[in-house]
């Protein structure tokens, strides 16, 4: 079984990105890291992960949690820069 560090190193994800994915899906960070590790390998997976992060931005904004929304927005922008969609 891979550790969270193994997944982060392999997929070039940050702990913060994985935490957002875990929050959106309601699963533990290590499970989210393993899931995301596979998803970043495909265009569809990158789109799904991006949508997860954008959903959290929207939810935080709707709840008036503007700091959290801004943090999620910055993480999403970094994720999209690190995992550009080529097609």
N, C-alpha and C. Protein backbone atom coordinates (compact mmCIF):
# COMPACT_ATOMS: atom_id res chain seq x y z
N UNK A 1 0.84 -1.18 0.00
CA UNK A 1 0.00 0.00 0.00
C UNK A 1 0.89 1.24 0.00
N UNK A 2 0.49 2.20 -0.81
CA UNK A 2 1.24 3.44 -0.90
C UNK A 2 0.92 4.36 0.27
N UNK A 3 1.92 5.07 0.71
CA UNK A 3 1.68 6.08 1.75
C UNK A 3 1.24 7.37 1.06
N UNK A 4 0.75 8.31 1.86
CA UNK A 4 0.33 9.59 1.28
C UNK A 4 1.53 10.29 0.65
N UNK A 5 2.70 10.18 1.26
CA UNK A 5 3.92 10.81 0.71
C UNK A 5 4.27 10.19 -0.64
N UNK A 6 4.16 8.85 -0.77
CA UNK A 6 4.43 8.19 -2.05
C UNK A 6 3.51 8.74 -3.13
N UNK A 7 2.25 8.86 -2.82
CA UNK A 7 1.27 9.37 -3.79
C UNK A 7 1.56 10.81 -4.17
N UNK A 8 1.86 11.63 -3.18
CA UNK A 8 2.15 13.04 -3.44
C UNK A 8 3.38 13.18 -4.32
N UNK A 9 4.40 12.41 -4.04
CA UNK A 9 5.63 12.48 -4.82
C UNK A 9 5.40 11.98 -6.25
N UNK A 10 4.65 10.92 -6.40
CA UNK A 10 4.40 10.32 -7.71
C UNK A 10 3.54 11.21 -8.59
N UNK A 11 2.53 11.83 -8.02
CA UNK A 11 1.55 12.59 -8.80
C UNK A 11 1.83 14.08 -8.85
N UNK A 12 2.80 14.52 -8.11
CA UNK A 12 3.10 15.95 -8.05
C UNK A 12 1.91 16.75 -7.53
N UNK A 13 1.24 16.20 -6.51
CA UNK A 13 0.15 16.90 -5.84
C UNK A 13 0.67 17.44 -4.51
N UNK A 14 0.03 18.48 -4.04
CA UNK A 14 0.40 19.01 -2.74
C UNK A 14 -0.54 18.45 -1.68
N UNK A 15 -0.11 18.51 -0.45
CA UNK A 15 -0.97 18.06 0.65
C UNK A 15 -2.26 18.88 0.70
N UNK A 16 -2.16 20.18 0.41
CA UNK A 16 -3.35 21.04 0.41
C UNK A 16 -4.33 20.62 -0.67
N UNK A 17 -3.83 20.29 -1.85
CA UNK A 17 -4.71 19.84 -2.94
C UNK A 17 -5.42 18.55 -2.54
N UNK A 18 -4.67 17.63 -1.97
CA UNK A 18 -5.25 16.37 -1.53
C UNK A 18 -6.29 16.61 -0.44
N UNK A 19 -6.02 17.54 0.45
CA UNK A 19 -6.98 17.84 1.52
C UNK A 19 -8.29 18.37 0.94
N UNK A 20 -8.21 19.20 -0.10
CA UNK A 20 -9.43 19.69 -0.74
C UNK A 20 -10.21 18.55 -1.38
N UNK A 21 -9.50 17.66 -2.04
CA UNK A 21 -10.15 16.51 -2.68
C UNK A 21 -10.80 15.63 -1.61
N UNK A 22 -10.09 15.41 -0.52
CA UNK A 22 -10.63 14.60 0.57
C UNK A 22 -11.87 15.25 1.16
N UNK A 23 -11.83 16.57 1.33
CA UNK A 23 -12.98 17.28 1.87
C UNK A 23 -14.19 17.15 0.94
N UNK A 24 -13.96 17.31 -0.35
CA UNK A 24 -15.06 17.24 -1.31
C UNK A 24 -15.69 15.85 -1.36
N UNK A 25 -14.84 14.82 -1.30
CA UNK A 25 -15.35 13.46 -1.44
C UNK A 25 -15.74 12.82 -0.12
N UNK A 26 -15.30 13.42 0.99
CA UNK A 26 -15.62 12.87 2.30
C UNK A 26 -14.84 11.61 2.63
N UNK A 27 -13.63 11.51 2.10
CA UNK A 27 -12.78 10.34 2.36
C UNK A 27 -11.49 10.80 3.02
N UNK A 28 -10.76 9.89 3.68
CA UNK A 28 -9.49 10.27 4.33
C UNK A 28 -8.46 10.77 3.31
N UNK A 29 -7.54 11.59 3.79
CA UNK A 29 -6.52 12.16 2.91
C UNK A 29 -5.73 11.09 2.15
N UNK A 30 -5.32 10.03 2.83
CA UNK A 30 -4.50 9.02 2.16
C UNK A 30 -5.30 8.34 1.04
N UNK A 31 -6.58 8.13 1.23
CA UNK A 31 -7.42 7.54 0.19
C UNK A 31 -7.60 8.52 -0.96
N UNK A 32 -7.79 9.79 -0.62
CA UNK A 32 -7.92 10.83 -1.65
C UNK A 32 -6.64 10.94 -2.47
N UNK A 33 -5.50 10.82 -1.80
CA UNK A 33 -4.22 10.89 -2.51
C UNK A 33 -4.09 9.73 -3.49
N UNK A 34 -4.47 8.54 -3.07
CA UNK A 34 -4.38 7.39 -3.96
C UNK A 34 -5.35 7.53 -5.13
N UNK A 35 -6.54 7.99 -4.86
CA UNK A 35 -7.52 8.19 -5.91
C UNK A 35 -7.03 9.25 -6.91
N UNK A 36 -6.58 10.38 -6.38
CA UNK A 36 -6.11 11.48 -7.23
C UNK A 36 -4.91 11.09 -8.06
N UNK A 37 -4.10 10.21 -7.50
CA UNK A 37 -2.90 9.73 -8.20
C UNK A 37 -3.29 9.10 -9.54
N UNK A 38 -4.36 8.34 -9.54
CA UNK A 38 -4.84 7.74 -10.77
C UNK A 38 -5.55 8.74 -11.66
N UNK A 39 -6.31 9.63 -11.05
CA UNK A 39 -7.10 10.58 -11.84
C UNK A 39 -6.25 11.58 -12.60
N UNK A 40 -5.12 11.99 -12.05
CA UNK A 40 -4.29 12.99 -12.76
C UNK A 40 -3.62 12.42 -14.00
N UNK A 41 -3.77 11.13 -14.22
CA UNK A 41 -3.17 10.49 -15.39
C UNK A 41 -4.01 10.67 -16.65
N UNK A 42 -5.26 11.13 -16.49
CA UNK A 42 -6.13 11.30 -17.65
C UNK A 42 -6.71 12.70 -17.69
N UNK A 43 -7.09 13.12 -18.87
CA UNK A 43 -7.72 14.43 -19.05
C UNK A 43 -9.02 14.51 -18.25
N UNK A 44 -9.81 13.45 -18.33
CA UNK A 44 -11.08 13.41 -17.62
C UNK A 44 -10.87 13.49 -16.11
N UNK A 45 -9.84 12.81 -15.62
CA UNK A 45 -9.54 12.85 -14.20
C UNK A 45 -9.12 14.23 -13.73
N UNK A 46 -8.31 14.91 -14.54
CA UNK A 46 -7.89 16.27 -14.19
C UNK A 46 -9.11 17.19 -14.17
N UNK A 47 -10.00 17.02 -15.14
CA UNK A 47 -11.24 17.81 -15.15
C UNK A 47 -12.08 17.55 -13.91
N UNK A 48 -12.20 16.29 -13.52
CA UNK A 48 -12.97 15.93 -12.33
C UNK A 48 -12.38 16.57 -11.08
N UNK A 49 -11.07 16.46 -10.91
CA UNK A 49 -10.42 17.04 -9.74
C UNK A 49 -10.55 18.56 -9.72
N UNK A 50 -10.43 19.18 -10.89
CA UNK A 50 -10.61 20.63 -10.99
C UNK A 50 -12.02 21.01 -10.57
N UNK A 51 -13.00 20.25 -11.03
CA UNK A 51 -14.39 20.52 -10.66
C UNK A 51 -14.62 20.35 -9.17
N UNK A 52 -13.98 19.35 -8.55
CA UNK A 52 -14.08 19.19 -7.10
C UNK A 52 -13.63 20.46 -6.40
N UNK A 53 -12.49 20.98 -6.84
CA UNK A 53 -11.93 22.17 -6.19
C UNK A 53 -12.82 23.38 -6.43
N UNK A 54 -13.32 23.53 -7.65
CA UNK A 54 -14.21 24.66 -7.94
C UNK A 54 -15.51 24.57 -7.16
N UNK A 55 -16.01 23.35 -6.96
CA UNK A 55 -17.21 23.15 -6.13
C UNK A 55 -16.97 23.67 -4.72
N UNK A 56 -15.79 23.38 -4.18
CA UNK A 56 -15.48 23.83 -2.81
C UNK A 56 -15.38 25.35 -2.74
N UNK A 57 -14.85 25.96 -3.80
CA UNK A 57 -14.80 27.43 -3.84
C UNK A 57 -16.21 27.99 -3.78
N UNK A 58 -17.09 27.43 -4.60
CA UNK A 58 -18.48 27.90 -4.65
C UNK A 58 -19.19 27.67 -3.31
N UNK A 59 -19.01 26.50 -2.72
CA UNK A 59 -19.67 26.20 -1.45
C UNK A 59 -19.19 27.14 -0.35
N UNK A 60 -17.88 27.37 -0.29
CA UNK A 60 -17.34 28.25 0.74
C UNK A 60 -17.84 29.69 0.54
N UNK A 61 -17.92 30.12 -0.70
CA UNK A 61 -18.42 31.46 -0.99
C UNK A 61 -19.88 31.60 -0.57
N UNK A 62 -20.69 30.58 -0.88
CA UNK A 62 -22.11 30.61 -0.51
C UNK A 62 -22.30 30.66 1.01
N UNK A 63 -21.38 30.04 1.76
CA UNK A 63 -21.47 30.04 3.22
C UNK A 63 -20.83 31.28 3.84
N UNK A 64 -20.27 32.14 3.00
CA UNK A 64 -19.62 33.34 3.50
C UNK A 64 -18.23 33.10 4.05
N UNK A 65 -17.64 31.96 3.74
CA UNK A 65 -16.29 31.62 4.18
C UNK A 65 -15.30 32.08 3.11
N UNK A 66 -15.11 33.40 3.03
CA UNK A 66 -14.37 33.99 1.93
C UNK A 66 -12.88 33.66 1.96
N UNK A 67 -12.29 33.54 3.15
CA UNK A 67 -10.88 33.15 3.24
C UNK A 67 -10.69 31.73 2.71
N UNK A 68 -11.56 30.85 3.11
CA UNK A 68 -11.49 29.46 2.65
C UNK A 68 -11.70 29.39 1.14
N UNK A 69 -12.65 30.17 0.64
CA UNK A 69 -12.91 30.19 -0.80
C UNK A 69 -11.68 30.69 -1.56
N UNK A 70 -11.05 31.73 -1.06
CA UNK A 70 -9.86 32.27 -1.73
C UNK A 70 -8.71 31.26 -1.71
N UNK A 71 -8.54 30.58 -0.58
CA UNK A 71 -7.49 29.57 -0.45
C UNK A 71 -7.74 28.44 -1.46
N UNK A 72 -8.98 27.97 -1.54
CA UNK A 72 -9.32 26.91 -2.48
C UNK A 72 -9.14 27.37 -3.92
N UNK A 73 -9.47 28.63 -4.20
CA UNK A 73 -9.31 29.18 -5.55
C UNK A 73 -7.83 29.21 -5.94
N UNK A 74 -6.97 29.60 -5.02
CA UNK A 74 -5.53 29.63 -5.29
C UNK A 74 -4.98 28.22 -5.52
N UNK A 75 -5.44 27.26 -4.70
CA UNK A 75 -5.00 25.88 -4.89
C UNK A 75 -5.47 25.33 -6.22
N UNK A 76 -6.68 25.66 -6.60
CA UNK A 76 -7.21 25.20 -7.88
C UNK A 76 -6.41 25.79 -9.04
N UNK A 77 -6.08 27.05 -8.96
CA UNK A 77 -5.29 27.70 -10.01
C UNK A 77 -3.92 27.05 -10.13
N UNK A 78 -3.31 26.74 -8.99
CA UNK A 78 -2.00 26.09 -9.02
C UNK A 78 -2.12 24.68 -9.59
N UNK A 79 -3.18 23.95 -9.20
CA UNK A 79 -3.40 22.61 -9.73
C UNK A 79 -3.56 22.66 -11.25
N UNK A 80 -4.33 23.61 -11.74
CA UNK A 80 -4.56 23.71 -13.18
C UNK A 80 -3.26 24.08 -13.92
N UNK A 81 -2.42 24.89 -13.29
CA UNK A 81 -1.14 25.24 -13.91
C UNK A 81 -0.20 24.04 -13.93
N UNK A 82 -0.24 23.23 -12.87
CA UNK A 82 0.64 22.06 -12.79
C UNK A 82 0.14 20.89 -13.63
N UNK A 83 -1.16 20.87 -13.93
CA UNK A 83 -1.76 19.76 -14.69
C UNK A 83 -2.61 20.33 -15.82
N UNK A 84 -1.92 20.98 -16.79
CA UNK A 84 -2.68 21.61 -17.89
C UNK A 84 -3.37 20.58 -18.78
N UNK A 85 -4.52 20.96 -19.27
CA UNK A 85 -5.25 20.10 -20.21
C UNK A 85 -4.72 20.40 -21.61
N UNK A 86 -4.21 19.39 -22.26
CA UNK A 86 -3.57 19.60 -23.55
C UNK A 86 -4.51 19.40 -24.73
N UNK A 87 -5.69 18.89 -24.50
CA UNK A 87 -6.60 18.64 -25.62
C UNK A 87 -7.88 19.41 -25.45
